[in-house]
Amino acid sequence: MQKNDAVVIIPTYNEKENIEAILRAVTGLEEHGFDVLVIDDGSPDGTAAIVKNLMEGDLKDRVHLVERQGKLGLGTAYIAGFKWALEHGYEYIFEMDADFSHDPKDLPRLYNACAVEGYDLAIGSRYISGVNVVNWPMGRVLMSYFASKYVRFVTGIPVNDTTAGFKCYKRRVLEAIDFDKIRFKGYAFQIELKFTAYKLGFRIKEVPVIFVNRQLGVSKMSGGIFGEALFGVMRLRWAALTRQIKSKQA
């Protein structure tokens, strides 16, 4: 069994400029030990090869890799990672981007919210204390901010940053969710998981973080991603009203 109780899942597609640095930053944290699982969707730029080299070197037993054929969607990448983490006995399971938009130094704060304070889901929130986003175009900031407010209004979920992708789950949250019934594959997946955890009665805490736009590599964001999120929440609300969301153990 693994030495650490926490694993950080990082989905990748063409992240050769960032992957070694982010892996060393996460595994190098001294406050708490974090392992990393990379889910690579067939990156043609050699991202997976870089990860394998590190796994054969000084990051052996700290970094793990699942390779998939082609771009299969962010949601399915995380679900594959969740299943792997549960099978390998981790108690605290994180979502994190590869491009340093999420600061690895915030990982212990999310961990403590769950492990010490007793919350079931900790969210690295850009909007819990104002708007903490650096180097995004104003149009994108406004789109993201008002999308989160819209989702909160429609679903009733008491979360300010509903589209955040920097999170820590307690094991029991993921064990309770039926992944076969998750509807979305893109960034609406982030909303759906939060909403599902909330409807199942798990305790959620938002931890303020500063989100910094990537400096290396190419963003995977698009207007279609936000469109899926905006229109998808109506389906989530309907599912809640018709009681389609329930624990896997129910």
C-alpha atoms as a PDB file:
ATOM      1  CA  MET A   1       0.000   0.000   0.000  1.00  0.00           C
ATOM      2  CA  GLN A   2       1.112   3.559  -0.699  1.00  0.00           C
ATOM      3  CA  LYS A   3       2.904   5.565   2.000  1.00  0.00           C
ATOM      4  CA  ASN A   4       0.810   8.734   1.703  1.00  0.00           C
ATOM      5  CA  ASP A   5      -2.926   9.065   2.311  1.00  0.00           C
ATOM      6  CA  ALA A   6      -3.479  11.753  -0.354  1.00  0.00           C
ATOM      7  CA  VAL A   7      -3.227  11.660  -4.138  1.00  0.00           C
ATOM      8  CA  VAL A   8      -3.493  14.559  -6.577  1.00  0.00           C
ATOM      9  CA  ILE A   9      -5.109  13.693  -9.919  1.00  0.00           C
ATOM     10  CA  ILE A  10      -3.824  15.771 -12.832  1.00  0.00           C
ATOM     11  CA  PRO A  11      -5.404  15.246 -16.281  1.00  0.00           C
ATOM     12  CA  THR A  12      -3.080  16.167 -19.143  1.00  0.00           C
ATOM     13  CA  TYR A  13      -3.168  16.820 -22.852  1.00  0.00           C
ATOM     14  CA  ASN A  14      -0.068  18.431 -24.383  1.00  0.00           C
ATOM     15  CA  GLU A  15       1.465  19.705 -21.146  1.00  0.00           C
ATOM     16  CA  LYS A  16       5.153  19.003 -21.812  1.00  0.00           C
ATOM     17  CA  GLU A  17       6.086  22.575 -20.830  1.00  0.00           C
ATOM     18  CA  ASN A  18       4.547  22.196 -17.374  1.00  0.00           C
ATOM     19  CA  ILE A  19       4.416  18.542 -16.377  1.00  0.00           C
ATOM     20  CA  GLU A  20       7.826  17.994 -14.774  1.00  0.00           C
ATOM     21  CA  ALA A  21       7.692  21.270 -12.865  1.00  0.00           C
ATOM     22  CA  ILE A  22       4.195  20.634 -11.500  1.00  0.00           C
ATOM     23  CA  LEU A  23       5.034  17.083 -10.459  1.00  0.00           C
ATOM     24  CA  ARG A  24       8.160  18.210  -8.619  1.00  0.00           C
ATOM     25  CA  ALA A  25       6.268  21.071  -6.975  1.00  0.00           C
ATOM     26  CA  VAL A  26       3.530  18.761  -5.662  1.00  0.00           C
ATOM     27  CA  THR A  27       5.763  15.926  -4.492  1.00  0.00           C
ATOM     28  CA  GLY A  28       8.229  18.416  -3.005  1.00  0.00           C
ATOM     29  CA  LEU A  29       5.753  19.859  -0.506  1.00  0.00           C
ATOM     30  CA  GLU A  30       7.107  19.336   2.991  1.00  0.00           C
ATOM     31  CA  GLU A  31       3.985  20.157   5.016  1.00  0.00           C
ATOM     32  CA  HIS A  32       2.276  16.961   3.891  1.00  0.00           C
ATOM     33  CA  GLY A  33       3.116  14.144   1.510  1.00  0.00           C
ATOM     34  CA  PHE A  34       1.110  14.027  -1.713  1.00  0.00           C
ATOM     35  CA  ASP A  35       1.341  11.382  -4.406  1.00  0.00           C
ATOM     36  CA  VAL A  36       0.309  12.261  -7.970  1.00  0.00           C
ATOM     37  CA  LEU A  37      -1.686  10.398 -10.585  1.00  0.00           C
ATOM     38  CA  VAL A  38      -1.422  11.732 -14.145  1.00  0.00           C
ATOM     39  CA  ILE A  39      -4.229  10.833 -16.544  1.00  0.00           C
ATOM     40  CA  ASP A  40      -2.866  11.505 -20.021  1.00  0.00           C
ATOM     41  CA  ASP A  41      -5.176  11.473 -23.034  1.00  0.00           C
ATOM     42  CA  GLY A  42      -2.674  10.445 -25.686  1.00  0.00           C
ATOM     43  CA  SER A  43      -0.740  13.727 -25.752  1.00  0.00           C
ATOM     44  CA  PRO A  44       1.171  13.875 -29.067  1.00  0.00           C
ATOM     45  CA  ASP A  45       3.763  16.217 -27.545  1.00  0.00           C
ATOM     46  CA  GLY A  46       5.325  13.502 -25.353  1.00  0.00           C
ATOM     47  CA  THR A  47       3.820  14.468 -21.993  1.00  0.00           C
ATOM     48  CA  ALA A  48       3.445  10.816 -20.969  1.00  0.00           C
ATOM     49  CA  ALA A  49       7.064  10.047 -21.863  1.00  0.00           C
ATOM     50  CA  ILE A  50       8.253  12.796 -19.510  1.00  0.00           C
ATOM     51  CA  VAL A  51       6.121  11.354 -16.723  1.00  0.00           C
ATOM     52  CA  LYS A  52       7.510   7.865 -17.327  1.00  0.00           C
ATOM     53  CA  ASN A  53      11.081   9.152 -17.115  1.00  0.00           C
ATOM     54  CA  LEU A  54      10.342  10.736 -13.746  1.00  0.00           C
ATOM     55  CA  MET A  55       8.689   7.532 -12.551  1.00  0.00           C
ATOM     56  CA  GLU A  56      11.855   5.639 -13.404  1.00  0.00           C
ATOM     57  CA  GLY A  57      13.982   8.214 -11.588  1.00  0.00           C
ATOM     58  CA  ASP A  58      13.761  10.067  -8.308  1.00  0.00           C
ATOM     59  CA  LEU A  59       9.951  10.301  -8.287  1.00  0.00           C
ATOM     60  CA  LYS A  60       9.481   6.546  -8.304  1.00  0.00           C
ATOM     61  CA  ASP A  61       6.540   5.438  -6.124  1.00  0.00           C
ATOM     62  CA  ARG A  62       5.330   9.054  -5.817  1.00  0.00           C
ATOM     63  CA  VAL A  63       4.079   9.593  -9.374  1.00  0.00           C
ATOM     64  CA  HIS A  64       1.723   7.281 -11.265  1.00  0.00           C
ATOM     65  CA  LEU A  65       0.383   7.328 -14.820  1.00  0.00           C
ATOM     66  CA  VAL A  66      -2.727   6.173 -16.631  1.00  0.00           C
ATOM     67  CA  GLU A  67      -2.540   6.534 -20.421  1.00  0.00           C
ATOM     68  CA  ARG A  68      -5.695   6.768 -22.512  1.00  0.00           C
ATOM     69  CA  GLN A  69      -6.106   6.782 -26.260  1.00  0.00           C
ATOM     70  CA  GLY A  70      -7.273  10.185 -27.463  1.00  0.00           C
ATOM     71  CA  LYS A  71      -9.140  13.069 -25.850  1.00  0.00           C
ATOM     72  CA  LEU A  72     -12.009  11.439 -23.977  1.00  0.00           C
ATOM     73  CA  GLY A  73     -13.110  14.399 -21.871  1.00  0.00           C
ATOM     74  CA  LEU A  74     -12.173  15.962 -18.562  1.00  0.00           C
ATOM     75  CA  GLY A  75     -14.961  14.255 -16.656  1.00  0.00           C
ATOM     76  CA  THR A  76     -14.057  10.750 -17.804  1.00  0.00           C
ATOM     77  CA  ALA A  77     -10.398  11.453 -16.995  1.00  0.00           C
ATOM     78  CA  TYR A  78     -11.263  12.355 -13.424  1.00  0.00           C
ATOM     79  CA  ILE A  79     -13.607   9.406 -13.049  1.00  0.00           C
ATOM     80  CA  ALA A  80     -10.827   7.086 -14.198  1.00  0.00           C
ATOM     81  CA  GLY A  81      -8.567   8.754 -11.637  1.00  0.00           C
ATOM     82  CA  PHE A  82     -11.145   8.488  -8.855  1.00  0.00           C
ATOM     83  CA  LYS A  83     -11.590   4.771  -9.463  1.00  0.00           C
ATOM     84  CA  TRP A  84      -7.815   4.265  -9.466  1.00  0.00           C
ATOM     85  CA  ALA A  85      -7.404   6.250  -6.222  1.00  0.00           C
ATOM     86  CA  LEU A  86     -10.161   4.318  -4.459  1.00  0.00           C
ATOM     87  CA  GLU A  87      -8.693   1.003  -5.585  1.00  0.00           C
ATOM     88  CA  HIS A  88      -5.306   2.048  -4.201  1.00  0.00           C
ATOM     89  CA  GLY A  89      -6.625   3.007  -0.802  1.00  0.00           C
ATOM     90  CA  TYR A  90      -6.204   6.793  -0.720  1.00  0.00           C
ATOM     91  CA  GLU A  91      -8.278   8.698   1.839  1.00  0.00           C
ATOM     92  CA  TYR A  92      -8.003  12.187   0.312  1.00  0.00           C
ATOM     93  CA  ILE A  93      -8.308  12.637  -3.429  1.00  0.00           C
ATOM     94  CA  PHE A  94      -7.605  15.910  -5.220  1.00  0.00           C
ATOM     95  CA  GLU A  95      -8.382  17.495  -8.578  1.00  0.00           C
ATOM     96  CA  MET A  96      -5.768  19.890  -9.949  1.00  0.00           C
ATOM     97  CA  ASP A  97      -4.678  21.411 -13.265  1.00  0.00           C
ATOM     98  CA  ALA A  98      -1.220  20.837 -14.720  1.00  0.00           C
ATOM     99  CA  ASP A  99      -0.477  24.434 -15.720  1.00  0.00           C
ATOM    100  CA  PHE A 100       0.127  26.101 -12.306  1.00  0.00           C
ATOM    101  CA  SER A 101      -3.187  27.968 -12.440  1.00  0.00           C
ATOM    102  CA  HIS A 102      -3.693  26.118  -9.152  1.00  0.00           C
ATOM    103  CA  ASP A 103      -0.851  26.779  -6.719  1.00  0.00           C
ATOM    104  CA  PRO A 104       0.553  23.524  -5.276  1.00  0.00           C
ATOM    105  CA  LYS A 105       1.235  25.389  -2.013  1.00  0.00           C
ATOM    106  CA  ASP A 106      -2.545  25.523  -1.480  1.00  0.00           C
ATOM    107  CA  LEU A 107      -2.848  21.723  -1.391  1.00  0.00           C
ATOM    108  CA  PRO A 108      -2.153  21.467   2.377  1.00  0.00           C
ATOM    109  CA  ARG A 109      -4.877  24.052   3.056  1.00  0.00           C
ATOM    110  CA  LEU A 110      -7.448  21.986   1.158  1.00  0.00           C
ATOM    111  CA  TYR A 111      -6.187  18.847   2.883  1.00  0.00           C
ATOM    112  CA  ASN A 112      -6.538  20.410   6.327  1.00  0.00           C
ATOM    113  CA  ALA A 113     -10.105  21.528   5.586  1.00  0.00           C
ATOM    114  CA  CYS A 114     -11.027  17.855   5.182  1.00  0.00           C
ATOM    115  CA  ALA A 115      -8.551  15.995   7.409  1.00  0.00           C
ATOM    116  CA  VAL A 116      -8.456  18.450  10.340  1.00  0.00           C
ATOM    117  CA  GLU A 117     -11.649  20.528  10.141  1.00  0.00           C
ATOM    118  CA  GLY A 118     -13.833  17.596   9.159  1.00  0.00           C
ATOM    119  CA  TYR A 119     -15.334  18.770   5.863  1.00  0.00           C
ATOM    120  CA  ASP A 120     -16.092  16.199   3.168  1.00  0.00           C
ATOM    121  CA  LEU A 121     -15.252  18.375   0.162  1.00  0.00           C
ATOM    122  CA  ALA A 122     -12.888  21.342   0.081  1.00  0.00           C
ATOM    123  CA  ILE A 123     -13.005  23.681  -2.911  1.00  0.00           C
ATOM    124  CA  GLY A 124     -10.207  26.053  -3.891  1.00  0.00           C
ATOM    125  CA  SER A 125     -12.413  29.065  -4.503  1.00  0.00           C
ATOM    126  CA  ARG A 126     -11.651  32.074  -6.693  1.00  0.00           C
ATOM    127  CA  TYR A 127     -14.788  33.917  -5.617  1.00  0.00           C
ATOM    128  CA  ILE A 128     -15.258  33.359  -1.871  1.00  0.00           C
ATOM    129  CA  SER A 129     -13.369  36.583  -1.037  1.00  0.00           C
ATOM    130  CA  GLY A 130     -13.888  38.838  -4.040  1.00  0.00           C
ATOM    131  CA  VAL A 131     -12.479  37.899  -7.453  1.00  0.00           C
ATOM    132  CA  ASN A 132      -9.038  36.339  -7.113  1.00  0.00           C
ATOM    133  CA  VAL A 133      -8.004  35.752 -10.717  1.00  0.00           C
ATOM    134  CA  VAL A 134      -4.707  36.911 -12.203  1.00  0.00           C
ATOM    135  CA  ASN A 135      -3.906  37.499 -15.896  1.00  0.00           C
ATOM    136  CA  TRP A 136      -7.265  36.482 -17.331  1.00  0.00           C
ATOM    137  CA  PRO A 137      -8.888  38.751 -19.946  1.00  0.00           C
ATOM    138  CA  MET A 138     -11.722  40.715 -18.356  1.00  0.00           C
ATOM    139  CA  GLY A 139     -14.298  39.046 -20.596  1.00  0.00           C
ATOM    140  CA  ARG A 140     -13.266  35.617 -19.392  1.00  0.00           C
ATOM    141  CA  VAL A 141     -13.279  36.716 -15.743  1.00  0.00           C
ATOM    142  CA  LEU A 142     -16.809  38.060 -16.107  1.00  0.00           C
ATOM    143  CA  MET A 143     -17.975  34.941 -17.958  1.00  0.00           C
ATOM    144  CA  SER A 144     -16.609  32.654 -15.263  1.00  0.00           C
ATOM    145  CA  TYR A 145     -17.832  34.776 -12.348  1.00  0.00           C
ATOM    146  CA  PHE A 146     -21.392  35.188 -13.593  1.00  0.00           C
ATOM    147  CA  ALA A 147     -21.545  31.554 -14.710  1.00  0.00           C
ATOM    148  CA  SER A 148     -20.838  30.541 -11.104  1.00  0.00           C
ATOM    149  CA  LYS A 149     -23.492  32.940  -9.806  1.00  0.00           C
ATOM    150  CA  TYR A 150     -25.988  31.602 -12.345  1.00  0.00           C
ATOM    151  CA  VAL A 151     -25.306  28.009 -11.325  1.00  0.00           C
ATOM    152  CA  ARG A 152     -25.725  28.878  -7.653  1.00  0.00           C
ATOM    153  CA  PHE A 153     -29.026  30.614  -8.383  1.00  0.00           C
ATOM    154  CA  VAL A 154     -30.475  27.768 -10.462  1.00  0.00           C
ATOM    155  CA  THR A 155     -29.299  24.833  -8.336  1.00  0.00           C
ATOM    156  CA  GLY A 156     -29.372  26.370  -4.861  1.00  0.00           C
ATOM    157  CA  ILE A 157     -25.951  24.962  -4.054  1.00  0.00           C
ATOM    158  CA  PRO A 158     -24.281  27.165  -1.369  1.00  0.00           C
ATOM    159  CA  VAL A 159     -20.986  27.505  -3.252  1.00  0.00           C
ATOM    160  CA  ASN A 160     -19.585  30.709  -4.761  1.00  0.00           C
ATOM    161  CA  ASP A 161     -17.155  29.089  -7.216  1.00  0.00           C
ATOM    162  CA  THR A 162     -19.325  26.361  -8.726  1.00  0.00           C
ATOM    163  CA  THR A 163     -17.033  25.787 -11.726  1.00  0.00           C
ATOM    164  CA  ALA A 164     -13.800  25.469  -9.701  1.00  0.00           C
ATOM    165  CA  GLY A 165     -11.526  22.572 -10.624  1.00  0.00           C
ATOM    166  CA  PHE A 166      -9.228  22.623  -7.572  1.00  0.00           C
ATOM    167  CA  LYS A 167     -10.727  20.299  -4.971  1.00  0.00           C
ATOM    168  CA  CYS A 168     -10.134  17.760  -2.220  1.00  0.00           C
ATOM    169  CA  TYR A 169     -12.590  14.930  -1.638  1.00  0.00           C
ATOM    170  CA  LYS A 170     -12.771  12.630   1.297  1.00  0.00           C
ATOM    171  CA  ARG A 171     -12.830   9.045   0.132  1.00  0.00           C
ATOM    172  CA  ARG A 172     -16.382   8.490   1.346  1.00  0.00           C
ATOM    173  CA  VAL A 173     -17.751  11.196  -0.975  1.00  0.00           C
ATOM    174  CA  LEU A 174     -16.495   9.445  -4.087  1.00  0.00           C
ATOM    175  CA  GLU A 175     -17.547   6.055  -2.739  1.00  0.00           C
ATOM    176  CA  ALA A 176     -21.117   7.377  -2.462  1.00  0.00           C
ATOM    177  CA  ILE A 177     -21.363   8.690  -6.030  1.00  0.00           C
ATOM    178  CA  ASP A 178     -22.549   6.447  -8.846  1.00  0.00           C
ATOM    179  CA  PHE A 179     -20.110   7.430 -11.600  1.00  0.00           C
ATOM    180  CA  ASP A 180     -22.194   5.627 -14.216  1.00  0.00           C
ATOM    181  CA  LYS A 181     -24.903   8.265 -13.733  1.00  0.00           C
ATOM    182  CA  ILE A 182     -22.640  11.296 -14.158  1.00  0.00           C
ATOM    183  CA  ARG A 183     -23.925  13.081 -17.264  1.00  0.00           C
ATOM    184  CA  PHE A 184     -21.222  15.541 -18.284  1.00  0.00           C
ATOM    185  CA  LYS A 185     -17.757  15.011 -19.727  1.00  0.00           C
ATOM    186  CA  GLY A 186     -16.521  18.608 -20.030  1.00  0.00           C
ATOM    187  CA  TYR A 187     -16.214  21.396 -17.482  1.00  0.00           C
ATOM    188  CA  ALA A 188     -19.881  21.006 -16.491  1.00  0.00           C
ATOM    189  CA  PHE A 189     -18.580  17.871 -14.795  1.00  0.00           C
ATOM    190  CA  GLN A 190     -17.116  20.155 -12.113  1.00  0.00           C
ATOM    191  CA  ILE A 191     -20.556  21.567 -11.382  1.00  0.00           C
ATOM    192  CA  GLU A 192     -22.220  18.169 -11.414  1.00  0.00           C
ATOM    193  CA  LEU A 193     -19.820  16.645  -8.870  1.00  0.00           C
ATOM    194  CA  LYS A 194     -20.250  19.546  -6.442  1.00  0.00           C
ATOM    195  CA  PHE A 195     -24.017  19.495  -6.851  1.00  0.00           C
ATOM    196  CA  THR A 196     -24.172  15.733  -6.371  1.00  0.00           C
ATOM    197  CA  ALA A 197     -22.036  15.887  -3.216  1.00  0.00           C
ATOM    198  CA  TYR A 198     -24.253  18.671  -1.867  1.00  0.00           C
ATOM    199  CA  LYS A 199     -27.500  16.806  -2.585  1.00  0.00           C
ATOM    200  CA  LEU A 200     -26.083  13.708  -0.880  1.00  0.00           C
ATOM    201  CA  GLY A 201     -25.610  15.756   2.279  1.00  0.00           C
ATOM    202  CA  PHE A 202     -21.835  16.067   2.417  1.00  0.00           C
ATOM    203  CA  ARG A 203     -20.250  19.077   4.139  1.00  0.00           C
ATOM    204  CA  ILE A 204     -18.517  21.519   1.781  1.00  0.00           C
ATOM    205  CA  LYS A 205     -16.013  24.269   2.528  1.00  0.00           C
ATOM    206  CA  GLU A 206     -14.627  26.884   0.144  1.00  0.00           C
ATOM    207  CA  VAL A 207     -10.975  27.738   0.749  1.00  0.00           C
ATOM    208  CA  PRO A 208      -9.879  31.056  -0.829  1.00  0.00           C
ATOM    209  CA  VAL A 209      -7.166  30.689  -3.463  1.00  0.00           C
ATOM    210  CA  ILE A 210      -5.647  32.881  -6.161  1.00  0.00           C
ATOM    211  CA  PHE A 211      -6.082  31.521  -9.676  1.00  0.00           C
ATOM    212  CA  VAL A 212      -3.275  32.469 -12.075  1.00  0.00           C
ATOM    213  CA  ASN A 213      -3.671  32.071 -15.834  1.00  0.00           C
ATOM    214  CA  ARG A 214      -1.212  29.655 -17.418  1.00  0.00           C
ATOM    215  CA  GLN A 215       2.082  31.049 -18.715  1.00  0.00           C
ATOM    216  CA  LEU A 216       3.148  27.995 -20.730  1.00  0.00           C
ATOM    217  CA  GLY A 217       1.176  25.784 -23.076  1.00  0.00           C
ATOM    218  CA  VAL A 218      -2.253  26.296 -24.631  1.00  0.00           C
ATOM    219  CA  SER A 219      -5.529  26.744 -22.744  1.00  0.00           C
ATOM    220  CA  LYS A 220      -8.224  24.097 -23.280  1.00  0.00           C
ATOM    221  CA  MET A 221     -11.048  26.558 -22.472  1.00  0.00           C
ATOM    222  CA  SER A 222     -13.687  27.537 -25.027  1.00  0.00           C
ATOM    223  CA  GLY A 223     -17.075  29.181 -25.237  1.00  0.00           C
ATOM    224  CA  GLY A 224     -18.616  25.762 -25.784  1.00  0.00           C
ATOM    225  CA  ILE A 225     -17.301  24.626 -22.408  1.00  0.00           C
ATOM    226  CA  PHE A 226     -19.144  27.427 -20.659  1.00  0.00           C
ATOM    227  CA  GLY A 227     -22.214  26.765 -22.792  1.00  0.00           C
ATOM    228  CA  GLU A 228     -22.345  23.180 -21.576  1.00  0.00           C
ATOM    229  CA  ALA A 229     -22.072  24.401 -18.001  1.00  0.00           C
ATOM    230  CA  LEU A 230     -24.782  27.028 -18.357  1.00  0.00           C
ATOM    231  CA  PHE A 231     -27.388  24.845 -20.038  1.00  0.00           C
ATOM    232  CA  GLY A 232     -26.470  21.673 -18.178  1.00  0.00           C
ATOM    233  CA  VAL A 233     -27.446  23.057 -14.784  1.00  0.00           C
ATOM    234  CA  MET A 234     -31.108  22.977 -15.763  1.00  0.00           C
ATOM    235  CA  ARG A 235     -30.808  19.225 -16.194  1.00  0.00           C
ATOM    236  CA  LEU A 236     -29.147  18.968 -12.785  1.00  0.00           C
ATOM    237  CA  ARG A 237     -31.944  20.942 -11.179  1.00  0.00           C
ATOM    238  CA  TRP A 238     -34.543  18.721 -12.807  1.00  0.00           C
ATOM    239  CA  ALA A 239     -32.695  15.607 -11.643  1.00  0.00           C
ATOM    240  CA  ALA A 240     -32.771  16.930  -8.077  1.00  0.00           C
ATOM    241  CA  LEU A 241     -36.466  17.756  -8.273  1.00  0.00           C
ATOM    242  CA  THR A 242     -37.278  14.276  -9.568  1.00  0.00           C
ATOM    243  CA  ARG A 243     -34.910  12.666  -7.026  1.00  0.00           C
ATOM    244  CA  GLN A 244     -32.679  11.073  -9.627  1.00  0.00           C
ATOM    245  CA  ILE A 245     -29.585  11.942  -7.557  1.00  0.00           C
ATOM    246  CA  LYS A 246     -29.067   9.442  -4.768  1.00  0.00           C
ATOM    247  CA  SER A 247     -26.253   7.676  -3.001  1.00  0.00           C
ATOM    248  CA  LYS A 248     -24.789   4.579  -4.601  1.00  0.00           C
ATOM    249  CA  GLN A 249     -25.425   2.812  -1.293  1.00  0.00           C
ATOM    250  CA  ALA A 250     -29.091   3.907  -1.149  1.00  0.00           C
END
